[in-house]
Amino acid sequence: MTTSAIDTFNNLGLATTSSTASASPKKQTLGQDQFLKLLTTQLTHQDPMKPMDNGEFLGQMAQFSTVSGIQELQASFKDFASSISSNQALQAVGLVGHYVSAPSKQALLRAGDAVFGDFDLPSSSNQVQVKIINSKTGETVRDIDLGSCAEGKVDFAWDGKDNSGVAMSPGIYKVEASALVDGKNTVLATNIQSQVDSVVMGSSGLQVNLVGLDPVKFSQIKQIL
């Protein structure tokens, strides 16, 4: 590029040095209009004996368009992600005090209340059961025999009593669902209905704190009751 082209480049506000020592440095960007003016200047001051190749000219245009398009796409995705986060936060705040179904291996038994949950059965089975276990002693206090169940979602409930019909003390109990699947006794992941205590925005996203149980991510909630 000749001296005139460089002068034009500077006049467009793209100089790499400030005019005065006291001026604070500013981040410079090359807009589309400025880019086109710069290309025009290059064409005007090119060497007549070695003119710019059409392919080179189109290549520069394509590179600029690609970079500009990527930057616009990134900005759009950033705005979209922020919008989703805001909507999730509003939805999560509205859950406080309500009951939700979320993955858990434990359940909170309240006085005079029952425990409800469900699990996904990978295939039909004629031996499906749920065990309620004392978290402190490891003792099984209740065996719930669900018998034969079809493939899919299976609901269960515990009335808070042991195998003898005696009401258990309020507290945290382990819940273990299992079924005979393809000839093997398989432990299944359970979802427990719990009350939402609070919602916290952390580094890993929205976290939902459940009364008496471990917190879960907002995205892990299976159902709002």
C-alpha atoms as a PDB file:
ATOM      1  CA  MET A   1       0.000   0.000   0.000  1.00  0.00           C
ATOM      2  CA  THR A   2       1.397   3.501  -0.868  1.00  0.00           C
ATOM      3  CA  THR A   3       1.784   6.478   1.496  1.00  0.00           C
ATOM      4  CA  SER A   4      -1.517   7.986   0.275  1.00  0.00           C
ATOM      5  CA  ALA A   5      -3.356   4.788   1.134  1.00  0.00           C
ATOM      6  CA  ILE A   6      -1.836   4.830   4.608  1.00  0.00           C
ATOM      7  CA  ASP A   7      -2.941   8.439   5.074  1.00  0.00           C
ATOM      8  CA  THR A   8      -6.456   7.466   4.097  1.00  0.00           C
ATOM      9  CA  PHE A   9      -6.289   4.573   6.552  1.00  0.00           C
ATOM     10  CA  ASN A  10      -5.361   7.017   9.314  1.00  0.00           C
ATOM     11  CA  ASN A  11      -8.069   9.486   8.300  1.00  0.00           C
ATOM     12  CA  LEU A  12     -10.652   6.756   8.760  1.00  0.00           C
ATOM     13  CA  GLY A  13      -9.807   6.729  12.467  1.00  0.00           C
ATOM     14  CA  LEU A  14      -7.793   3.506  12.342  1.00  0.00           C
ATOM     15  CA  ALA A  15      -4.354   4.850  13.188  1.00  0.00           C
ATOM     16  CA  THR A  16      -2.380   2.732  15.620  1.00  0.00           C
ATOM     17  CA  THR A  17      -0.899   5.715  17.479  1.00  0.00           C
ATOM     18  CA  SER A  18      -2.605   8.661  19.158  1.00  0.00           C
ATOM     19  CA  SER A  19      -2.076  12.228  17.974  1.00  0.00           C
ATOM     20  CA  THR A  20      -1.103  13.418  21.437  1.00  0.00           C
ATOM     21  CA  ALA A  21       0.740  11.761  24.271  1.00  0.00           C
ATOM     22  CA  SER A  22      -1.979  12.718  26.758  1.00  0.00           C
ATOM     23  CA  ALA A  23      -4.793  11.083  24.793  1.00  0.00           C
ATOM     24  CA  SER A  24      -5.961   7.815  26.294  1.00  0.00           C
ATOM     25  CA  PRO A  25      -5.688   4.770  23.968  1.00  0.00           C
ATOM     26  CA  LYS A  26      -8.944   3.536  22.478  1.00  0.00           C
ATOM     27  CA  LYS A  27      -9.784   0.145  21.049  1.00  0.00           C
ATOM     28  CA  GLN A  28     -10.186   0.524  17.281  1.00  0.00           C
ATOM     29  CA  THR A  29     -12.519  -1.575  15.161  1.00  0.00           C
ATOM     30  CA  LEU A  30     -12.892  -1.830  11.398  1.00  0.00           C
ATOM     31  CA  GLY A  31     -16.484  -1.357  10.278  1.00  0.00           C
ATOM     32  CA  GLN A  32     -17.907  -2.436   6.934  1.00  0.00           C
ATOM     33  CA  ASP A  33     -17.967   1.082   5.473  1.00  0.00           C
ATOM     34  CA  GLN A  34     -14.363   1.670   6.525  1.00  0.00           C
ATOM     35  CA  PHE A  35     -13.328  -1.675   5.103  1.00  0.00           C
ATOM     36  CA  LEU A  36     -14.859  -0.819   1.718  1.00  0.00           C
ATOM     37  CA  LYS A  37     -13.157   2.607   1.705  1.00  0.00           C
ATOM     38  CA  LEU A  38      -9.849   0.938   2.493  1.00  0.00           C
ATOM     39  CA  LEU A  39     -10.289  -1.509  -0.398  1.00  0.00           C
ATOM     40  CA  THR A  40     -11.205   1.355  -2.718  1.00  0.00           C
ATOM     41  CA  THR A  41      -8.028   3.167  -1.664  1.00  0.00           C
ATOM     42  CA  GLN A  42      -6.000   0.043  -2.363  1.00  0.00           C
ATOM     43  CA  LEU A  43      -7.448  -0.222  -5.853  1.00  0.00           C
ATOM     44  CA  THR A  44      -6.878   3.494  -6.534  1.00  0.00           C
ATOM     45  CA  HIS A  45      -3.222   3.387  -5.503  1.00  0.00           C
ATOM     46  CA  GLN A  46      -2.292  -0.068  -6.738  1.00  0.00           C
ATOM     47  CA  ASP A  47       0.696  -0.559  -8.999  1.00  0.00           C
ATOM     48  CA  PRO A  48      -0.562  -0.428 -12.630  1.00  0.00           C
ATOM     49  CA  MET A  49       2.082  -2.999 -13.533  1.00  0.00           C
ATOM     50  CA  LYS A  50       0.872  -5.376 -10.801  1.00  0.00           C
ATOM     51  CA  PRO A  51      -2.855  -4.777 -10.383  1.00  0.00           C
ATOM     52  CA  MET A  52      -4.761  -6.538  -7.613  1.00  0.00           C
ATOM     53  CA  ASP A  53      -6.050  -9.927  -8.688  1.00  0.00           C
ATOM     54  CA  ASN A  54      -9.847 -10.350  -8.686  1.00  0.00           C
ATOM     55  CA  GLY A  55      -9.488 -13.463  -6.576  1.00  0.00           C
ATOM     56  CA  GLU A  56      -7.492 -11.553  -3.962  1.00  0.00           C
ATOM     57  CA  PHE A  57     -10.099  -8.783  -3.876  1.00  0.00           C
ATOM     58  CA  LEU A  58     -12.980 -11.243  -3.482  1.00  0.00           C
ATOM     59  CA  GLY A  59     -10.979 -13.168  -0.874  1.00  0.00           C
ATOM     60  CA  GLN A  60     -10.609 -10.085   1.300  1.00  0.00           C
ATOM     61  CA  MET A  61     -14.335  -9.377   0.972  1.00  0.00           C
ATOM     62  CA  ALA A  62     -15.195 -12.949   1.909  1.00  0.00           C
ATOM     63  CA  GLN A  63     -12.876 -12.910   4.943  1.00  0.00           C
ATOM     64  CA  PHE A  64     -14.362  -9.688   6.232  1.00  0.00           C
ATOM     65  CA  SER A  65     -17.929 -10.954   5.706  1.00  0.00           C
ATOM     66  CA  THR A  66     -17.118 -14.196   7.525  1.00  0.00           C
ATOM     67  CA  VAL A  67     -15.579 -12.440  10.531  1.00  0.00           C
ATOM     68  CA  SER A  68     -18.423  -9.913  10.668  1.00  0.00           C
ATOM     69  CA  GLY A  69     -21.023 -12.686  10.450  1.00  0.00           C
ATOM     70  CA  ILE A  70     -19.388 -14.706  13.231  1.00  0.00           C
ATOM     71  CA  GLN A  71     -19.274 -11.656  15.510  1.00  0.00           C
ATOM     72  CA  GLU A  72     -22.952 -10.932  14.895  1.00  0.00           C
ATOM     73  CA  LEU A  73     -23.823 -14.594  15.499  1.00  0.00           C
ATOM     74  CA  GLN A  74     -21.884 -14.609  18.776  1.00  0.00           C
ATOM     75  CA  ALA A  75     -23.683 -11.468  19.927  1.00  0.00           C
ATOM     76  CA  SER A  76     -27.050 -13.001  19.028  1.00  0.00           C
ATOM     77  CA  PHE A  77     -26.307 -16.203  20.939  1.00  0.00           C
ATOM     78  CA  LYS A  78     -25.133 -14.203  23.947  1.00  0.00           C
ATOM     79  CA  ASP A  79     -28.404 -12.252  24.012  1.00  0.00           C
ATOM     80  CA  PHE A  80     -30.374 -15.478  23.528  1.00  0.00           C
ATOM     81  CA  ALA A  81     -28.536 -17.200  26.401  1.00  0.00           C
ATOM     82  CA  SER A  82     -29.128 -14.218  28.693  1.00  0.00           C
ATOM     83  CA  SER A  83     -32.826 -14.267  27.831  1.00  0.00           C
ATOM     84  CA  ILE A  84     -33.080 -17.988  28.635  1.00  0.00           C
ATOM     85  CA  SER A  85     -31.266 -17.534  31.964  1.00  0.00           C
ATOM     86  CA  SER A  86     -33.616 -14.706  32.943  1.00  0.00           C
ATOM     87  CA  ASN A  87     -36.705 -16.753  32.076  1.00  0.00           C
ATOM     88  CA  GLN A  88     -35.394 -19.749  34.027  1.00  0.00           C
ATOM     89  CA  ALA A  89     -34.677 -17.553  37.041  1.00  0.00           C
ATOM     90  CA  LEU A  90     -38.232 -16.201  37.018  1.00  0.00           C
ATOM     91  CA  GLN A  91     -39.680 -19.714  36.714  1.00  0.00           C
ATOM     92  CA  ALA A  92     -37.441 -21.053  39.472  1.00  0.00           C
ATOM     93  CA  VAL A  93     -38.373 -18.275  41.917  1.00  0.00           C
ATOM     94  CA  GLY A  94     -42.024 -19.161  41.380  1.00  0.00           C
ATOM     95  CA  LEU A  95     -41.308 -22.717  42.606  1.00  0.00           C
ATOM     96  CA  VAL A  96     -40.568 -21.702  46.197  1.00  0.00           C
ATOM     97  CA  GLY A  97     -43.103 -23.352  48.489  1.00  0.00           C
ATOM     98  CA  HIS A  98     -44.364 -25.688  45.780  1.00  0.00           C
ATOM     99  CA  TYR A  99     -43.713 -29.410  45.390  1.00  0.00           C
ATOM    100  CA  VAL A 100     -41.604 -30.824  42.567  1.00  0.00           C
ATOM    101  CA  SER A 101     -40.475 -34.247  41.416  1.00  0.00           C
ATOM    102  CA  ALA A 102     -36.686 -34.464  41.236  1.00  0.00           C
ATOM    103  CA  PRO A 103     -34.003 -37.190  41.269  1.00  0.00           C
ATOM    104  CA  SER A 104     -33.134 -38.297  44.805  1.00  0.00           C
ATOM    105  CA  LYS A 105     -32.156 -41.411  46.737  1.00  0.00           C
ATOM    106  CA  GLN A 106     -33.709 -39.997  49.897  1.00  0.00           C
ATOM    107  CA  ALA A 107     -37.100 -38.769  51.047  1.00  0.00           C
ATOM    108  CA  LEU A 108     -38.278 -36.576  53.902  1.00  0.00           C
ATOM    109  CA  LEU A 109     -41.070 -38.128  55.994  1.00  0.00           C
ATOM    110  CA  ARG A 110     -43.123 -35.505  57.800  1.00  0.00           C
ATOM    111  CA  ALA A 111     -45.356 -36.235  60.777  1.00  0.00           C
ATOM    112  CA  GLY A 112     -48.649 -37.709  59.615  1.00  0.00           C
ATOM    113  CA  ASP A 113     -47.633 -37.436  55.973  1.00  0.00           C
ATOM    114  CA  ALA A 114     -46.672 -39.865  53.196  1.00  0.00           C
ATOM    115  CA  VAL A 115     -43.849 -40.097  50.657  1.00  0.00           C
ATOM    116  CA  PHE A 116     -44.514 -40.162  46.910  1.00  0.00           C
ATOM    117  CA  GLY A 117     -42.143 -40.920  44.066  1.00  0.00           C
ATOM    118  CA  ASP A 118     -41.614 -42.675  40.758  1.00  0.00           C
ATOM    119  CA  PHE A 119     -38.979 -44.318  38.583  1.00  0.00           C
ATOM    120  CA  ASP A 120     -38.526 -45.414  34.975  1.00  0.00           C
ATOM    121  CA  LEU A 121     -38.723 -49.144  34.294  1.00  0.00           C
ATOM    122  CA  PRO A 122     -36.598 -50.034  31.212  1.00  0.00           C
ATOM    123  CA  SER A 123     -38.732 -53.102  30.391  1.00  0.00           C
ATOM    124  CA  SER A 124     -41.723 -54.990  31.775  1.00  0.00           C
ATOM    125  CA  SER A 125     -41.001 -56.940  34.957  1.00  0.00           C
ATOM    126  CA  ASN A 126     -42.970 -59.203  37.292  1.00  0.00           C
ATOM    127  CA  GLN A 127     -40.757 -58.411  40.273  1.00  0.00           C
ATOM    128  CA  VAL A 128     -40.748 -54.731  41.100  1.00  0.00           C
ATOM    129  CA  GLN A 129     -40.271 -53.401  44.609  1.00  0.00           C
ATOM    130  CA  VAL A 130     -39.317 -50.363  46.650  1.00  0.00           C
ATOM    131  CA  LYS A 131     -37.425 -50.470  49.929  1.00  0.00           C
ATOM    132  CA  ILE A 132     -37.544 -47.756  52.588  1.00  0.00           C
ATOM    133  CA  ILE A 133     -34.326 -47.788  54.626  1.00  0.00           C
ATOM    134  CA  ASN A 134     -33.434 -46.102  57.906  1.00  0.00           C
ATOM    135  CA  SER A 135     -30.652 -43.655  56.960  1.00  0.00           C
ATOM    136  CA  LYS A 136     -28.948 -43.947  60.348  1.00  0.00           C
ATOM    137  CA  THR A 137     -29.034 -47.707  60.943  1.00  0.00           C
ATOM    138  CA  GLY A 138     -29.256 -49.018  57.372  1.00  0.00           C
ATOM    139  CA  GLU A 139     -32.204 -51.197  58.408  1.00  0.00           C
ATOM    140  CA  THR A 140     -35.014 -51.788  55.918  1.00  0.00           C
ATOM    141  CA  VAL A 141     -38.187 -50.563  57.627  1.00  0.00           C
ATOM    142  CA  ARG A 142     -40.645 -51.159  54.780  1.00  0.00           C
ATOM    143  CA  ASP A 143     -40.839 -53.411  51.727  1.00  0.00           C
ATOM    144  CA  ILE A 144     -43.293 -52.188  49.097  1.00  0.00           C
ATOM    145  CA  ASP A 145     -44.047 -54.951  46.598  1.00  0.00           C
ATOM    146  CA  LEU A 146     -45.352 -53.485  43.339  1.00  0.00           C
ATOM    147  CA  GLY A 147     -45.647 -56.871  41.632  1.00  0.00           C
ATOM    148  CA  SER A 148     -45.760 -56.816  37.828  1.00  0.00           C
ATOM    149  CA  CYS A 149     -45.283 -53.480  36.076  1.00  0.00           C
ATOM    150  CA  ALA A 150     -45.174 -52.465  32.430  1.00  0.00           C
ATOM    151  CA  GLU A 151     -42.266 -50.640  30.848  1.00  0.00           C
ATOM    152  CA  GLY A 152     -42.225 -46.889  31.522  1.00  0.00           C
ATOM    153  CA  LYS A 153     -42.971 -44.650  34.467  1.00  0.00           C
ATOM    154  CA  VAL A 154     -43.951 -46.428  37.700  1.00  0.00           C
ATOM    155  CA  ASP A 155     -45.429 -44.478  40.632  1.00  0.00           C
ATOM    156  CA  PHE A 156     -45.131 -45.536  44.257  1.00  0.00           C
ATOM    157  CA  ALA A 157     -46.160 -44.250  47.702  1.00  0.00           C
ATOM    158  CA  TRP A 158     -45.088 -44.940  51.293  1.00  0.00           C
ATOM    159  CA  ASP A 159     -47.604 -44.237  54.040  1.00  0.00           C
ATOM    160  CA  GLY A 160     -44.877 -43.691  56.647  1.00  0.00           C
ATOM    161  CA  LYS A 161     -45.369 -47.034  58.402  1.00  0.00           C
ATOM    162  CA  ASP A 162     -43.008 -49.980  58.815  1.00  0.00           C
ATOM    163  CA  ASN A 163     -43.709 -53.599  57.852  1.00  0.00           C
ATOM    164  CA  SER A 164     -45.592 -54.078  61.149  1.00  0.00           C
ATOM    165  CA  GLY A 165     -47.895 -51.134  60.527  1.00  0.00           C
ATOM    166  CA  VAL A 166     -46.208 -48.906  63.119  1.00  0.00           C
ATOM    167  CA  ALA A 167     -45.815 -45.231  62.181  1.00  0.00           C
ATOM    168  CA  MET A 168     -42.158 -44.274  61.748  1.00  0.00           C
ATOM    169  CA  SER A 169     -40.584 -41.179  63.234  1.00  0.00           C
ATOM    170  CA  PRO A 170     -40.333 -38.117  60.960  1.00  0.00           C
ATOM    171  CA  GLY A 171     -36.950 -37.756  59.275  1.00  0.00           C
ATOM    172  CA  ILE A 172     -34.841 -38.635  56.264  1.00  0.00           C
ATOM    173  CA  TYR A 173     -35.139 -42.141  54.826  1.00  0.00           C
ATOM    174  CA  LYS A 174     -33.346 -43.807  51.931  1.00  0.00           C
ATOM    175  CA  VAL A 175     -35.451 -45.003  49.014  1.00  0.00           C
ATOM    176  CA  GLU A 176     -34.314 -47.878  46.819  1.00  0.00           C
ATOM    177  CA  ALA A 177     -36.298 -49.151  43.833  1.00  0.00           C
ATOM    178  CA  SER A 178     -35.342 -52.361  42.054  1.00  0.00           C
ATOM    179  CA  ALA A 179     -36.740 -54.764  39.481  1.00  0.00           C
ATOM    180  CA  LEU A 180     -35.865 -58.039  37.809  1.00  0.00           C
ATOM    181  CA  VAL A 181     -34.795 -56.907  34.331  1.00  0.00           C
ATOM    182  CA  ASP A 182     -33.571 -59.481  31.810  1.00  0.00           C
ATOM    183  CA  GLY A 183     -33.019 -61.944  34.625  1.00  0.00           C
ATOM    184  CA  LYS A 184     -30.930 -59.510  36.705  1.00  0.00           C
ATOM    185  CA  ASN A 185     -31.928 -57.596  39.818  1.00  0.00           C
ATOM    186  CA  THR A 186     -31.487 -53.964  38.743  1.00  0.00           C
ATOM    187  CA  VAL A 187     -31.461 -50.886  40.984  1.00  0.00           C
ATOM    188  CA  LEU A 188     -33.434 -48.011  39.440  1.00  0.00           C
ATOM    189  CA  ALA A 189     -32.990 -44.265  39.897  1.00  0.00           C
ATOM    190  CA  THR A 190     -35.898 -42.712  41.797  1.00  0.00           C
ATOM    191  CA  ASN A 191     -37.615 -39.331  41.621  1.00  0.00           C
ATOM    192  CA  ILE A 192     -39.025 -38.048  44.914  1.00  0.00           C
ATOM    193  CA  GLN A 193     -41.720 -35.433  45.426  1.00  0.00           C
ATOM    194  CA  SER A 194     -40.266 -32.695  47.649  1.00  0.00           C
ATOM    195  CA  GLN A 195     -41.021 -29.105  48.621  1.00  0.00           C
ATOM    196  CA  VAL A 196     -38.861 -26.290  47.260  1.00  0.00           C
ATOM    197  CA  ASP A 197     -37.249 -24.249  50.027  1.00  0.00           C
ATOM    198  CA  SER A 198     -35.269 -21.701  48.000  1.00  0.00           C
ATOM    199  CA  VAL A 199     -33.542 -21.011  44.691  1.00  0.00           C
ATOM    200  CA  VAL A 200     -29.918 -19.936  44.291  1.00  0.00           C
ATOM    201  CA  MET A 201     -28.047 -18.715  41.208  1.00  0.00           C
ATOM    202  CA  GLY A 202     -24.569 -20.268  41.349  1.00  0.00           C
ATOM    203  CA  SER A 203     -21.591 -20.637  39.042  1.00  0.00           C
ATOM    204  CA  SER A 204     -23.063 -23.866  37.648  1.00  0.00           C
ATOM    205  CA  GLY A 205     -26.476 -22.310  37.030  1.00  0.00           C
ATOM    206  CA  LEU A 206     -29.772 -22.304  38.914  1.00  0.00           C
ATOM    207  CA  GLN A 207     -29.836 -24.507  41.995  1.00  0.00           C
ATOM    208  CA  VAL A 208     -33.056 -25.550  43.717  1.00  0.00           C
ATOM    209  CA  ASN A 209     -32.846 -26.251  47.447  1.00  0.00           C
ATOM    210  CA  LEU A 210     -35.316 -28.891  48.648  1.00  0.00           C
ATOM    211  CA  VAL A 211     -36.647 -29.085  52.212  1.00  0.00           C
ATOM    212  CA  GLY A 212     -34.567 -31.656  54.118  1.00  0.00           C
ATOM    213  CA  LEU A 213     -32.833 -33.007  50.992  1.00  0.00           C
ATOM    214  CA  ASP A 214     -29.796 -32.279  48.864  1.00  0.00           C
ATOM    215  CA  PRO A 215     -30.159 -29.465  46.310  1.00  0.00           C
ATOM    216  CA  VAL A 216     -30.698 -30.218  42.616  1.00  0.00           C
ATOM    217  CA  LYS A 217     -30.155 -28.272  39.429  1.00  0.00           C
ATOM    218  CA  PHE A 218     -33.181 -26.526  37.964  1.00  0.00           C
ATOM    219  CA  SER A 219     -32.752 -28.559  34.776  1.00  0.00           C
ATOM    220  CA  GLN A 220     -33.059 -31.819  36.786  1.00  0.00           C
ATOM    221  CA  ILE A 221     -36.631 -31.139  37.911  1.00  0.00           C
ATOM    222  CA  LYS A 222     -38.902 -33.698  36.272  1.00  0.00           C
ATOM    223  CA  GLN A 223     -42.284 -32.244  37.159  1.00  0.00           C
ATOM    224  CA  ILE A 224     -43.854 -29.288  38.944  1.00  0.00           C
ATOM    225  CA  LEU A 225     -46.767 -30.441  41.130  1.00  0.00           C
END
